[in-house]
Protein backbone atom coordinates (compact mmCIF):
# COMPACT_ATOMS: atom_id res chain seq x y z
CA MET A 1 6.90 -7.85 -15.15
CA ALA A 2 9.47 -5.92 -13.23
CA THR A 3 8.68 -5.09 -9.50
CA ARG A 4 9.52 -1.58 -8.33
CA PRO A 5 10.25 -1.13 -4.31
CA PHE A 6 8.23 1.39 -2.61
CA THR A 7 11.08 3.71 -2.16
CA GLU A 8 10.80 4.46 -6.07
CA PHE A 9 7.43 5.34 -5.98
CA PRO A 10 6.44 8.88 -6.33
CA ALA A 11 7.17 11.01 -3.34
CA ASP A 12 3.28 12.22 -3.16
CA GLU A 13 2.20 8.66 -3.12
CA GLN A 14 4.99 7.83 -0.82
CA GLN A 15 3.47 10.58 1.66
CA GLN A 16 0.02 9.39 1.52
CA VAL A 17 1.02 5.98 2.53
CA VAL A 18 3.01 7.41 5.69
CA ASP A 19 0.01 9.85 6.54
CA ALA A 20 -2.51 6.77 6.03
CA CYS A 21 -0.44 4.30 8.51
CA ARG A 22 0.06 7.45 10.91
CA HIS A 23 -3.74 8.16 11.21
CA VAL A 24 -4.15 4.51 12.29
CA GLY A 25 -1.33 4.66 14.81
CA LEU A 26 1.04 2.45 12.67
CA ALA A 27 4.33 3.43 10.66
CA ALA A 28 4.87 2.75 7.22
CA GLU A 29 8.19 0.81 7.92
CA MET A 30 5.71 -1.91 9.10
CA PHE A 31 4.80 -2.76 5.80
CA ASP A 32 6.47 -3.90 2.35
CA ILE A 33 5.17 -2.30 -0.61
CA SER A 34 5.81 -2.92 -4.36
CA ASP A 35 4.35 -2.63 -7.42
CA GLU A 36 4.58 -4.26 -10.99
CA ARG A 37 3.45 -3.19 -14.51
CA ASP A 38 2.19 -5.81 -16.92
CA GLY A 39 2.43 -5.28 -20.75
CA ASP A 40 -0.41 -3.31 -21.15
CA GLY A 41 0.50 -0.59 -18.42
CA ALA A 42 -1.69 -1.71 -15.80
CA ARG A 43 -0.21 -1.36 -12.16
CA ARG A 44 -0.86 -3.67 -8.99
CA VAL A 45 0.41 -2.51 -5.73
CA SER A 46 1.12 -5.11 -3.39
CA VAL A 47 1.08 -4.43 0.48
CA ARG A 48 2.23 -7.08 2.88
CA ARG A 49 2.57 -6.33 6.67
CA VAL A 50 5.58 -7.32 7.99
CA GLY A 51 5.43 -9.89 10.62
CA THR A 52 1.84 -10.97 10.22
CA ASP A 53 2.03 -11.60 6.58
CA LYS A 54 -1.30 -10.09 6.02
CA THR A 55 -1.37 -9.35 2.24
CA SER A 56 -3.57 -7.37 -0.19
CA VAL A 57 -3.11 -6.26 -3.70
CA TYR A 58 -4.65 -3.19 -4.95
CA GLU A 59 -5.08 -2.09 -8.80
CA ALA A 60 -3.14 1.05 -9.64
CA GLY A 61 -3.28 3.71 -12.14
CA ALA A 62 -5.66 5.83 -14.10
CA GLY A 63 -9.26 5.40 -12.83
CA THR A 64 -8.72 3.56 -9.93
CA ALA A 65 -8.21 4.26 -6.15
CA TRP A 66 -5.73 2.14 -4.45
CA MET A 67 -4.77 4.59 -1.72
CA GLU A 68 -8.71 4.81 -0.67
CA GLU A 69 -8.66 0.89 -0.46
CA PHE A 70 -5.43 1.01 1.38
CA GLU A 71 -6.78 3.25 3.81
CA SER A 72 -10.11 1.61 4.38
CA ASP A 73 -8.44 -1.85 5.01
CA LEU A 74 -5.70 -0.21 7.42
CA GLU A 75 -9.19 1.21 9.12
CA CYS A 76 -10.98 -1.95 9.33
CA GLY A 77 -8.27 -3.83 10.57
CA LEU A 78 -7.36 -6.15 7.74
CA TYR A 79 -3.56 -5.79 8.45
CA GLY A 80 -4.11 -6.34 11.95
CA PRO A 81 -5.41 -4.26 14.85
CA VAL A 82 -4.57 -0.37 14.77
CA THR A 83 -3.72 1.61 17.85
CA VAL A 84 -6.02 4.57 17.29
């Protein structure tokens, strides 16, 4: 499986991450985000907050809602305290 860095994600997906982070008073740069695809085309997005090493993995692709799950995790403080 090849790992793809966040900078290679589609522009609209990058913007969604920036907006979700901004909504809770965090910066997207505070996170190390990458994804991997397996041989079946399934995609997994790994998110790690730099400095705390809090990490989660989201299933991504057709029929999934990884961004909504990430936003929910941000809002509930999974990655640490939010400022908003």
